[in-house]
Amino acid sequence: MKKNAEGAWIFLNREYCPLGSDEAADYTYHTIFIKYTGRNIDAILEKIAETNYCERDNDGEIKQLWFYDDGTNPMNRDLSMRKSLFKRYFLIIEKLCELKVKPLR
């Protein structure tokens, strides 16, 4: 996920392209930005993604976060580990779905 200057988030794939696109600069009509509402959103996101997967700006706000790296990518592992890694990944998605959002489009 990456935050823009307006504080809205976009979801990106492994190649840093918006979901549903294969081009990094493609922010066309199908691209969805969301804005989380509520208190302590950065703290909640940091907990969801785990501290080492958060990148902060000079003001200390999270500007980008990752849900897995090459070592915890379920598709890069053998079948015996894939199930537990997918479970971890889907728990992250489930926690994100519980947050209150304000769609921008």
PDB file of N, CA and C in Angstrom:
ATOM      1  N   MET A   1       0.850  -1.168   0.000  1.00  0.00           N
ATOM      2  CA  MET A   1       0.000   0.000   0.000  1.00  0.00           C
ATOM      3  C   MET A   1       0.896   1.231   0.000  1.00  0.00           C
ATOM      4  N   LYS A   2       0.440   2.269  -0.682  1.00  0.00           N
ATOM      5  CA  LYS A   2       1.203   3.503  -0.727  1.00  0.00           C
ATOM      6  C   LYS A   2       0.252   4.683  -0.549  1.00  0.00           C
ATOM      7  N   LYS A   3       0.675   5.658   0.263  1.00  0.00           N
ATOM      8  CA  LYS A   3      -0.155   6.834   0.537  1.00  0.00           C
ATOM      9  C   LYS A   3       0.247   7.966  -0.392  1.00  0.00           C
ATOM     10  N   ASN A   4      -0.765   8.660  -0.941  1.00  0.00           N
ATOM     11  CA  ASN A   4      -0.475   9.813  -1.783  1.00  0.00           C
ATOM     12  C   ASN A   4      -0.439  11.095  -0.944  1.00  0.00           C
ATOM     13  N   ALA A   5      -0.219  12.230  -1.597  1.00  0.00           N
ATOM     14  CA  ALA A   5      -0.087  13.512  -0.900  1.00  0.00           C
ATOM     15  C   ALA A   5      -1.358  13.922  -0.168  1.00  0.00           C
ATOM     16  N   GLU A   6      -2.525  13.416  -0.612  1.00  0.00           N
ATOM     17  CA  GLU A   6      -3.801  13.746   0.027  1.00  0.00           C
ATOM     18  C   GLU A   6      -4.138  12.810   1.188  1.00  0.00           C
ATOM     19  N   GLY A   7      -3.258  11.866   1.474  1.00  0.00           N
ATOM     20  CA  GLY A   7      -3.489  10.936   2.570  1.00  0.00           C
ATOM     21  C   GLY A   7      -4.343   9.741   2.215  1.00  0.00           C
ATOM     22  N   ALA A   8      -4.560   9.522   0.914  1.00  0.00           N
ATOM     23  CA  ALA A   8      -5.327   8.363   0.460  1.00  0.00           C
ATOM     24  C   ALA A   8      -4.364   7.245   0.078  1.00  0.00           C
ATOM     25  N   TRP A   9      -4.831   6.025   0.224  1.00  0.00           N
ATOM     26  CA  TRP A   9      -4.009   4.843  -0.019  1.00  0.00           C
ATOM     27  C   TRP A   9      -4.396   4.170  -1.321  1.00  0.00           C
ATOM     28  N   ILE A  10      -3.399   3.574  -1.974  1.00  0.00           N
ATOM     29  CA  ILE A  10      -3.600   2.761  -3.161  1.00  0.00           C
ATOM     30  C   ILE A  10      -2.930   1.414  -2.894  1.00  0.00           C
ATOM     31  N   PHE A  11      -3.547   0.364  -3.382  1.00  0.00           N
ATOM     32  CA  PHE A  11      -2.970  -0.973  -3.248  1.00  0.00           C
ATOM     33  C   PHE A  11      -2.180  -1.297  -4.501  1.00  0.00           C
ATOM     34  N   LEU A  12      -0.965  -1.805  -4.301  1.00  0.00           N
ATOM     35  CA  LEU A  12      -0.057  -2.110  -5.398  1.00  0.00           C
ATOM     36  C   LEU A  12       0.274  -3.593  -5.413  1.00  0.00           C
ATOM     37  N   ASN A  13       0.630  -4.089  -6.588  1.00  0.00           N
ATOM     38  CA  ASN A  13       1.060  -5.487  -6.689  1.00  0.00           C
ATOM     39  C   ASN A  13       2.572  -5.591  -6.472  1.00  0.00           C
ATOM     40  N   ARG A  14       3.113  -6.743  -6.685  1.00  0.00           N
ATOM     41  CA  ARG A  14       4.541  -6.983  -6.443  1.00  0.00           C
ATOM     42  C   ARG A  14       5.450  -6.123  -7.316  1.00  0.00           C
ATOM     43  N   GLU A  15       4.952  -5.681  -8.441  1.00  0.00           N
ATOM     44  CA  GLU A  15       5.738  -4.840  -9.351  1.00  0.00           C
ATOM     45  C   GLU A  15       5.470  -3.353  -9.118  1.00  0.00           C
ATOM     46  N   TYR A  16       4.795  -3.025  -8.015  1.00  0.00           N
ATOM     47  CA  TYR A  16       4.459  -1.646  -7.653  1.00  0.00           C
ATOM     48  C   TYR A  16       3.534  -0.976  -8.669  1.00  0.00           C
ATOM     49  N   CYS A  17       2.697  -1.789  -9.287  1.00  0.00           N
ATOM     50  CA  CYS A  17       1.661  -1.288 -10.190  1.00  0.00           C
ATOM     51  C   CYS A  17       0.331  -1.341  -9.435  1.00  0.00           C
ATOM     52  N   PRO A  18      -0.577  -0.399  -9.718  1.00  0.00           N
ATOM     53  CA  PRO A  18      -1.891  -0.475  -9.077  1.00  0.00           C
ATOM     54  C   PRO A  18      -2.549  -1.825  -9.382  1.00  0.00           C
ATOM     55  N   LEU A  19      -3.254  -2.373  -8.408  1.00  0.00           N
ATOM     56  CA  LEU A  19      -3.935  -3.642  -8.653  1.00  0.00           C
ATOM     57  C   LEU A  19      -4.812  -3.510  -9.887  1.00  0.00           C
ATOM     58  N   GLY A  20      -4.758  -4.510 -10.738  1.00  0.00           N
ATOM     59  CA  GLY A  20      -5.535  -4.496 -11.965  1.00  0.00           C
ATOM     60  C   GLY A  20      -4.809  -3.872 -13.131  1.00  0.00           C
ATOM     61  N   SER A  21      -3.560  -3.481 -12.937  1.00  0.00           N
ATOM     62  CA  SER A  21      -2.791  -2.857 -14.001  1.00  0.00           C
ATOM     63  C   SER A  21      -1.412  -3.501 -14.068  1.00  0.00           C
ATOM     64  N   ASP A  22      -0.772  -3.366 -15.212  1.00  0.00           N
ATOM     65  CA  ASP A  22       0.598  -3.867 -15.323  1.00  0.00           C
ATOM     66  C   ASP A  22       1.592  -2.733 -15.583  1.00  0.00           C
ATOM     67  N   GLU A  23       1.147  -1.494 -15.356  1.00  0.00           N
ATOM     68  CA  GLU A  23       2.021  -0.343 -15.532  1.00  0.00           C
ATOM     69  C   GLU A  23       2.049   0.493 -14.258  1.00  0.00           C
ATOM     70  N   ALA A  24       3.249   0.793 -13.778  1.00  0.00           N
ATOM     71  CA  ALA A  24       3.408   1.490 -12.505  1.00  0.00           C
ATOM     72  C   ALA A  24       2.760   2.872 -12.494  1.00  0.00           C
ATOM     73  N   ALA A  25       2.747   3.569 -13.605  1.00  0.00           N
ATOM     74  CA  ALA A  25       2.202   4.928 -13.636  1.00  0.00           C
ATOM     75  C   ALA A  25       0.737   4.957 -14.041  1.00  0.00           C
ATOM     76  N   ASP A  26       0.088   3.802 -14.115  1.00  0.00           N
ATOM     77  CA  ASP A  26      -1.290   3.723 -14.591  1.00  0.00           C
ATOM     78  C   ASP A  26      -2.264   3.959 -13.439  1.00  0.00           C
ATOM     79  N   TYR A  27      -2.753   5.188 -13.312  1.00  0.00           N
ATOM     80  CA  TYR A  27      -3.743   5.529 -12.289  1.00  0.00           C
ATOM     81  C   TYR A  27      -5.056   5.890 -12.969  1.00  0.00           C
ATOM     82  N   THR A  28      -5.526   4.997 -13.816  1.00  0.00           N
ATOM     83  CA  THR A  28      -6.739   5.248 -14.583  1.00  0.00           C
ATOM     84  C   THR A  28      -7.980   4.965 -13.758  1.00  0.00           C
ATOM     85  N   TYR A  29      -9.126   4.983 -14.425  1.00  0.00           N
ATOM     86  CA  TYR A  29     -10.418   4.872 -13.761  1.00  0.00           C
ATOM     87  C   TYR A  29     -10.566   3.660 -12.858  1.00  0.00           C
ATOM     88  N   HIS A  30      -9.892   2.567 -13.155  1.00  0.00           N
ATOM     89  CA  HIS A  30     -10.076   1.364 -12.340  1.00  0.00           C
ATOM     90  C   HIS A  30      -9.256   1.382 -11.052  1.00  0.00           C
ATOM     91  N   THR A  31      -8.408   2.366 -10.898  1.00  0.00           N
ATOM     92  CA  THR A  31      -7.589   2.462  -9.701  1.00  0.00           C
ATOM     93  C   THR A  31      -8.434   3.020  -8.552  1.00  0.00           C
ATOM     94  N   ILE A  32      -8.370   2.353  -7.425  1.00  0.00           N
ATOM     95  CA  ILE A  32      -9.159   2.764  -6.269  1.00  0.00           C
ATOM     96  C   ILE A  32      -8.231   3.287  -5.179  1.00  0.00           C
ATOM     97  N   PHE A  33      -8.510   4.500  -4.746  1.00  0.00           N
ATOM     98  CA  PHE A  33      -7.844   5.072  -3.591  1.00  0.00           C
ATOM     99  C   PHE A  33      -8.843   5.051  -2.441  1.00  0.00           C
ATOM    100  N   ILE A  34      -8.340   4.781  -1.236  1.00  0.00           N
ATOM    101  CA  ILE A  34      -9.204   4.824  -0.064  1.00  0.00           C
ATOM    102  C   ILE A  34      -8.524   5.659   1.010  1.00  0.00           C
ATOM    103  N   LYS A  35      -9.331   6.186   1.888  1.00  0.00           N
ATOM    104  CA  LYS A  35      -8.806   6.946   3.016  1.00  0.00           C
ATOM    105  C   LYS A  35      -9.357   6.304   4.286  1.00  0.00           C
ATOM    106  N   TYR A  36      -8.465   5.937   5.172  1.00  0.00           N
ATOM    107  CA  TYR A  36      -8.882   5.357   6.439  1.00  0.00           C
ATOM    108  C   TYR A  36      -9.301   6.464   7.384  1.00  0.00           C
ATOM    109  N   THR A  37     -10.358   6.225   8.131  1.00  0.00           N
ATOM    110  CA  THR A  37     -10.826   7.193   9.114  1.00  0.00           C
ATOM    111  C   THR A  37     -10.709   6.588  10.500  1.00  0.00           C
ATOM    112  N   GLY A  38     -10.632   7.435  11.475  1.00  0.00           N
ATOM    113  CA  GLY A  38     -10.516   6.960  12.851  1.00  0.00           C
ATOM    114  C   GLY A  38      -9.226   7.458  13.480  1.00  0.00           C
ATOM    115  N   ARG A  39      -9.007   7.012  14.680  1.00  0.00           N
ATOM    116  CA  ARG A  39      -7.842   7.444  15.443  1.00  0.00           C
ATOM    117  C   ARG A  39      -6.696   6.467  15.285  1.00  0.00           C
ATOM    118  N   ASN A  40      -5.498   6.993  15.377  1.00  0.00           N
ATOM    119  CA  ASN A  40      -4.269   6.194  15.414  1.00  0.00           C
ATOM    120  C   ASN A  40      -4.131   5.236  14.225  1.00  0.00           C
ATOM    121  N   ILE A  41      -4.504   5.698  13.046  1.00  0.00           N
ATOM    122  CA  ILE A  41      -4.454   4.831  11.862  1.00  0.00           C
ATOM    123  C   ILE A  41      -3.037   4.336  11.605  1.00  0.00           C
ATOM    124  N   ASP A  42      -2.034   5.211  11.712  1.00  0.00           N
ATOM    125  CA  ASP A  42      -0.660   4.768  11.471  1.00  0.00           C
ATOM    126  C   ASP A  42      -0.251   3.656  12.437  1.00  0.00           C
ATOM    127  N   ALA A  43      -0.625   3.783  13.703  1.00  0.00           N
ATOM    128  CA  ALA A  43      -0.282   2.756  14.687  1.00  0.00           C
ATOM    129  C   ALA A  43      -0.968   1.434  14.355  1.00  0.00           C
ATOM    130  N   ILE A  44      -2.211   1.518  13.913  1.00  0.00           N
ATOM    131  CA  ILE A  44      -2.945   0.301  13.542  1.00  0.00           C
ATOM    132  C   ILE A  44      -2.317  -0.336  12.309  1.00  0.00           C
ATOM    133  N   LEU A  45      -2.013   0.473  11.295  1.00  0.00           N
ATOM    134  CA  LEU A  45      -1.392  -0.061  10.079  1.00  0.00           C
ATOM    135  C   LEU A  45      -0.028  -0.662  10.373  1.00  0.00           C
ATOM    136  N   GLU A  46       0.723  -0.006  11.233  1.00  0.00           N
ATOM    137  CA  GLU A  46       2.043  -0.527  11.598  1.00  0.00           C
ATOM    138  C   GLU A  46       1.919  -1.892  12.269  1.00  0.00           C
ATOM    139  N   LYS A  47       0.937  -2.037  13.118  1.00  0.00           N
ATOM    140  CA  LYS A  47       0.719  -3.317  13.797  1.00  0.00           C
ATOM    141  C   LYS A  47       0.285  -4.391  12.802  1.00  0.00           C
ATOM    142  N   ILE A  48      -0.585  -4.014  11.859  1.00  0.00           N
ATOM    143  CA  ILE A  48      -1.062  -4.971  10.857  1.00  0.00           C
ATOM    144  C   ILE A  48       0.089  -5.444   9.970  1.00  0.00           C
ATOM    145  N   ALA A  49       0.878  -4.508   9.479  1.00  0.00           N
ATOM    146  CA  ALA A  49       1.942  -4.851   8.536  1.00  0.00           C
ATOM    147  C   ALA A  49       3.227  -5.284   9.215  1.00  0.00           C
ATOM    148  N   GLU A  50       3.343  -5.040  10.484  1.00  0.00           N
ATOM    149  CA  GLU A  50       4.540  -5.287  11.267  1.00  0.00           C
ATOM    150  C   GLU A  50       5.533  -4.155  11.018  1.00  0.00           C
ATOM    151  N   THR A  51       6.191  -3.724  12.057  1.00  0.00           N
ATOM    152  CA  THR A  51       7.036  -2.534  12.036  1.00  0.00           C
ATOM    153  C   THR A  51       8.059  -2.541  10.912  1.00  0.00           C
ATOM    154  N   ASN A  52       8.708  -3.648  10.666  1.00  0.00           N
ATOM    155  CA  ASN A  52       9.780  -3.670   9.673  1.00  0.00           C
ATOM    156  C   ASN A  52       9.268  -3.594   8.234  1.00  0.00           C
ATOM    157  N   TYR A  53       7.954  -3.580   8.044  1.00  0.00           N
ATOM    158  CA  TYR A  53       7.400  -3.473   6.700  1.00  0.00           C
ATOM    159  C   TYR A  53       6.793  -2.094   6.447  1.00  0.00           C
ATOM    160  N   CYS A  54       7.152  -1.107   7.241  1.00  0.00           N
ATOM    161  CA  CYS A  54       6.615   0.250   7.100  1.00  0.00           C
ATOM    162  C   CYS A  54       7.730   1.223   6.731  1.00  0.00           C
ATOM    163  N   GLU A  55       7.420   2.095   5.783  1.00  0.00           N
ATOM    164  CA  GLU A  55       8.340   3.171   5.426  1.00  0.00           C
ATOM    165  C   GLU A  55       7.690   4.483   5.826  1.00  0.00           C
ATOM    166  N   ARG A  56       8.424   5.309   6.543  1.00  0.00           N
ATOM    167  CA  ARG A  56       7.883   6.575   7.055  1.00  0.00           C
ATOM    168  C   ARG A  56       8.519   7.757   6.333  1.00  0.00           C
ATOM    169  N   ASP A  57       7.784   8.866   6.306  1.00  0.00           N
ATOM    170  CA  ASP A  57       8.320  10.098   5.729  1.00  0.00           C
ATOM    171  C   ASP A  57       9.084  10.867   6.806  1.00  0.00           C
ATOM    172  N   ASN A  58       9.564  12.062   6.481  1.00  0.00           N
ATOM    173  CA  ASN A  58      10.349  12.868   7.426  1.00  0.00           C
ATOM    174  C   ASN A  58       9.558  13.301   8.649  1.00  0.00           C
ATOM    175  N   ASP A  59       8.229  13.322   8.540  1.00  0.00           N
ATOM    176  CA  ASP A  59       7.370  13.690   9.670  1.00  0.00           C
ATOM    177  C   ASP A  59       6.988  12.481  10.524  1.00  0.00           C
ATOM    178  N   GLY A  60       7.459  11.309  10.140  1.00  0.00           N
ATOM    179  CA  GLY A  60       7.173  10.098  10.898  1.00  0.00           C
ATOM    180  C   GLY A  60       5.893   9.388  10.505  1.00  0.00           C
ATOM    181  N   GLU A  61       5.174   9.889   9.501  1.00  0.00           N
ATOM    182  CA  GLU A  61       3.942   9.238   9.051  1.00  0.00           C
ATOM    183  C   GLU A  61       4.269   8.114   8.079  1.00  0.00           C
ATOM    184  N   ILE A  62       3.497   7.054   8.156  1.00  0.00           N
ATOM    185  CA  ILE A  62       3.696   5.950   7.228  1.00  0.00           C
ATOM    186  C   ILE A  62       3.305   6.412   5.835  1.00  0.00           C
ATOM    187  N   LYS A  63       4.191   6.178   4.873  1.00  0.00           N
ATOM    188  CA  LYS A  63       3.880   6.536   3.489  1.00  0.00           C
ATOM    189  C   LYS A  63       3.763   5.305   2.600  1.00  0.00           C
ATOM    190  N   GLN A  64       4.309   4.186   3.060  1.00  0.00           N
ATOM    191  CA  GLN A  64       4.196   2.947   2.294  1.00  0.00           C
ATOM    192  C   GLN A  64       4.377   1.770   3.244  1.00  0.00           C
ATOM    193  N   LEU A  65       3.662   0.686   2.965  1.00  0.00           N
ATOM    194  CA  LEU A  65       3.852  -0.520   3.764  1.00  0.00           C
ATOM    195  C   LEU A  65       3.665  -1.756   2.901  1.00  0.00           C
ATOM    196  N   TRP A  66       4.255  -2.827   3.373  1.00  0.00           N
ATOM    197  CA  TRP A  66       4.228  -4.095   2.669  1.00  0.00           C
ATOM    198  C   TRP A  66       3.632  -5.149   3.591  1.00  0.00           C
ATOM    199  N   PHE A  67       2.981  -6.133   3.004  1.00  0.00           N
ATOM    200  CA  PHE A  67       2.366  -7.198   3.796  1.00  0.00           C
ATOM    201  C   PHE A  67       3.215  -8.462   3.821  1.00  0.00           C
ATOM    202  N   TYR A  68       4.168  -8.550   2.938  1.00  0.00           N
ATOM    203  CA  TYR A  68       5.119  -9.658   2.951  1.00  0.00           C
ATOM    204  C   TYR A  68       6.334  -9.258   2.138  1.00  0.00           C
ATOM    205  N   ASP A  69       7.424  -9.969   2.346  1.00  0.00           N
ATOM    206  CA  ASP A  69       8.638  -9.743   1.570  1.00  0.00           C
ATOM    207  C   ASP A  69       8.950 -11.009   0.782  1.00  0.00           C
ATOM    208  N   ASP A  70      10.091 -11.058   0.143  1.00  0.00           N
ATOM    209  CA  ASP A  70      10.428 -12.235  -0.670  1.00  0.00           C
ATOM    210  C   ASP A  70      10.455 -13.518   0.165  1.00  0.00           C
ATOM    211  N   GLY A  71      10.860 -13.409   1.422  1.00  0.00           N
ATOM    212  CA  GLY A  71      10.926 -14.587   2.277  1.00  0.00           C
ATOM    213  C   GLY A  71       9.586 -15.078   2.770  1.00  0.00           C
ATOM    214  N   THR A  72       8.596 -14.183   2.863  1.00  0.00           N
ATOM    215  CA  THR A  72       7.276 -14.585   3.356  1.00  0.00           C
ATOM    216  C   THR A  72       6.214 -14.547   2.264  1.00  0.00           C
ATOM    217  N   ASN A  73       6.629 -14.362   1.017  1.00  0.00           N
ATOM    218  CA  ASN A  73       5.707 -14.415  -0.114  1.00  0.00           C
ATOM    219  C   ASN A  73       5.233 -15.858  -0.272  1.00  0.00           C
ATOM    220  N   PRO A  74       3.943 -16.113  -0.110  1.00  0.00           N
ATOM    221  CA  PRO A  74       3.447 -17.495  -0.191  1.00  0.00           C
ATOM    222  C   PRO A  74       3.780 -18.197  -1.500  1.00  0.00           C
ATOM    223  N   MET A  75       3.840 -17.456  -2.577  1.00  0.00           N
ATOM    224  CA  MET A  75       4.086 -18.083  -3.876  1.00  0.00           C
ATOM    225  C   MET A  75       5.551 -18.452  -4.095  1.00  0.00           C
ATOM    226  N   ASN A  76       6.443 -17.960  -3.257  1.00  0.00           N
ATOM    227  CA  ASN A  76       7.863 -18.282  -3.382  1.00  0.00           C
ATOM    228  C   ASN A  76       8.270 -19.470  -2.503  1.00  0.00           C
ATOM    229  N   ARG A  77       7.317 -20.106  -1.866  1.00  0.00           N
ATOM    230  CA  ARG A  77       7.635 -21.173  -0.918  1.00  0.00           C
ATOM    231  C   ARG A  77       7.068 -22.503  -1.389  1.00  0.00           C
ATOM    232  N   ASP A  78       7.567 -23.567  -0.783  1.00  0.00           N
ATOM    233  CA  ASP A  78       7.044 -24.882  -1.146  1.00  0.00           C
ATOM    234  C   ASP A  78       5.663 -25.084  -0.528  1.00  0.00           C
ATOM    235  N   LEU A  79       4.980 -26.097  -0.980  1.00  0.00           N
ATOM    236  CA  LEU A  79       3.594 -26.320  -0.557  1.00  0.00           C
ATOM    237  C   LEU A  79       3.447 -26.489   0.947  1.00  0.00           C
ATOM    238  N   SER A  80       4.448 -27.043   1.607  1.00  0.00           N
ATOM    239  CA  SER A  80       4.343 -27.267   3.052  1.00  0.00           C
ATOM    240  C   SER A  80       4.296 -25.953   3.833  1.00  0.00           C
ATOM    241  N   MET A  81       4.902 -24.891   3.312  1.00  0.00           N
ATOM    242  CA  MET A  81       4.894 -23.589   3.995  1.00  0.00           C
ATOM    243  C   MET A  81       3.832 -22.653   3.438  1.00  0.00           C
ATOM    244  N   ARG A  82       3.383 -22.907   2.236  1.00  0.00           N
ATOM    245  CA  ARG A  82       2.474 -21.990   1.548  1.00  0.00           C
ATOM    246  C   ARG A  82       1.184 -21.757   2.324  1.00  0.00           C
ATOM    247  N   LYS A  83       0.618 -22.808   2.899  1.00  0.00           N
ATOM    248  CA  LYS A  83      -0.656 -22.680   3.608  1.00  0.00           C
ATOM    249  C   LYS A  83      -0.545 -21.720   4.780  1.00  0.00           C
ATOM    250  N   SER A  84       0.501 -21.839   5.594  1.00  0.00           N
ATOM    251  CA  SER A  84       0.644 -20.961   6.758  1.00  0.00           C
ATOM    252  C   SER A  84       0.944 -19.521   6.332  1.00  0.00           C
ATOM    253  N   LEU A  85       1.699 -19.347   5.264  1.00  0.00           N
ATOM    254  CA  LEU A  85       1.989 -17.993   4.788  1.00  0.00           C
ATOM    255  C   LEU A  85       0.755 -17.328   4.198  1.00  0.00           C
ATOM    256  N   PHE A  86      -0.063 -18.098   3.474  1.00  0.00           N
ATOM    257  CA  PHE A  86      -1.314 -17.534   2.968  1.00  0.00           C
ATOM    258  C   PHE A  86      -2.248 -17.197   4.131  1.00  0.00           C
ATOM    259  N   LYS A  87      -2.267 -18.017   5.151  1.00  0.00           N
ATOM    260  CA  LYS A  87      -3.112 -17.732   6.316  1.00  0.00           C
ATOM    261  C   LYS A  87      -2.694 -16.415   6.948  1.00  0.00           C
ATOM    262  N   ARG A  88      -1.399 -16.200   7.112  1.00  0.00           N
ATOM    263  CA  ARG A  88      -0.882 -14.947   7.664  1.00  0.00           C
ATOM    264  C   ARG A  88      -1.294 -13.770   6.786  1.00  0.00           C
ATOM    265  N   TYR A  89      -1.132 -13.912   5.486  1.00  0.00           N
ATOM    266  CA  TYR A  89      -1.465 -12.841   4.539  1.00  0.00           C
ATOM    267  C   TYR A  89      -2.960 -12.515   4.584  1.00  0.00           C
ATOM    268  N   PHE A  90      -3.820 -13.535   4.608  1.00  0.00           N
ATOM    269  CA  PHE A  90      -5.259 -13.289   4.639  1.00  0.00           C
ATOM    270  C   PHE A  90      -5.713 -12.713   5.979  1.00  0.00           C
ATOM    271  N   LEU A  91      -5.022 -13.017   7.059  1.00  0.00           N
ATOM    272  CA  LEU A  91      -5.331 -12.372   8.339  1.00  0.00           C
ATOM    273  C   LEU A  91      -5.036 -10.871   8.267  1.00  0.00           C
ATOM    274  N   ILE A  92      -3.977 -10.501   7.571  1.00  0.00           N
ATOM    275  CA  ILE A  92      -3.660  -9.088   7.370  1.00  0.00           C
ATOM    276  C   ILE A  92      -4.774  -8.414   6.581  1.00  0.00           C
ATOM    277  N   ILE A  93      -5.215  -9.024   5.495  1.00  0.00           N
ATOM    278  CA  ILE A  93      -6.292  -8.479   4.673  1.00  0.00           C
ATOM    279  C   ILE A  93      -7.567  -8.357   5.501  1.00  0.00           C
ATOM    280  N   GLU A  94      -7.847  -9.359   6.314  1.00  0.00           N
ATOM    281  CA  GLU A  94      -9.040  -9.333   7.176  1.00  0.00           C
ATOM    282  C   GLU A  94      -8.991  -8.149   8.144  1.00  0.00           C
ATOM    283  N   LYS A  95      -7.830  -7.889   8.735  1.00  0.00           N
ATOM    284  CA  LYS A  95      -7.687  -6.761   9.661  1.00  0.00           C
ATOM    285  C   LYS A  95      -7.859  -5.434   8.929  1.00  0.00           C
ATOM    286  N   LEU A  96      -7.351  -5.332   7.717  1.00  0.00           N
ATOM    287  CA  LEU A  96      -7.546  -4.109   6.926  1.00  0.00           C
ATOM    288  C   LEU A  96      -9.023  -3.881   6.624  1.00  0.00           C
ATOM    289  N   CYS A  97      -9.737  -4.960   6.359  1.00  0.00           N
ATOM    290  CA  CYS A  97     -11.166  -4.854   6.044  1.00  0.00           C
ATOM    291  C   CYS A  97     -11.992  -4.375   7.235  1.00  0.00           C
ATOM    292  N   GLU A  98     -11.471  -4.543   8.436  1.00  0.00           N
ATOM    293  CA  GLU A  98     -12.190  -4.102   9.634  1.00  0.00           C
ATOM    294  C   GLU A  98     -12.070  -2.592   9.867  1.00  0.00           C
ATOM    295  N   LEU A  99     -11.109  -1.942   9.220  1.00  0.00           N
ATOM    296  CA  LEU A  99     -10.910  -0.500   9.394  1.00  0.00           C
ATOM    297  C   LEU A  99     -12.000   0.268   8.663  1.00  0.00           C
ATOM    298  N   LYS A 100     -12.341   1.418   9.192  1.00  0.00           N
ATOM    299  CA  LYS A 100     -13.333   2.271   8.550  1.00  0.00           C
ATOM    300  C   LYS A 100     -12.646   3.040   7.428  1.00  0.00           C
ATOM    301  N   VAL A 101     -13.306   3.053   6.264  1.00  0.00           N
ATOM    302  CA  VAL A 101     -12.740   3.744   5.119  1.00  0.00           C
ATOM    303  C   VAL A 101     -13.757   4.702   4.513  1.00  0.00           C
ATOM    304  N   LYS A 102     -13.209   5.677   3.817  1.00  0.00           N
ATOM    305  CA  LYS A 102     -14.029   6.625   3.082  1.00  0.00           C
ATOM    306  C   LYS A 102     -13.579   6.533   1.625  1.00  0.00           C
ATOM    307  N   PRO A 103     -14.315   5.831   0.768  1.00  0.00           N
ATOM    308  CA  PRO A 103     -13.902   5.728  -0.645  1.00  0.00           C
ATOM    309  C   PRO A 103     -13.845   7.109  -1.283  1.00  0.00           C
ATOM    310  N   LEU A 104     -12.858   7.321  -2.117  1.00  0.00           N
ATOM    311  CA  LEU A 104     -12.666   8.605  -2.773  1.00  0.00           C
ATOM    312  C   LEU A 104     -13.197   8.607  -4.199  1.00  0.00           C
ATOM    313  N   ARG A 105     -13.551   7.452  -4.724  1.00  0.00           N
ATOM    314  CA  ARG A 105     -14.109   7.343  -6.083  1.00  0.00           C
ATOM    315  C   ARG A 105     -15.311   6.465  -6.043  1.00  0.00           C
TER     316      ARG A 105
END
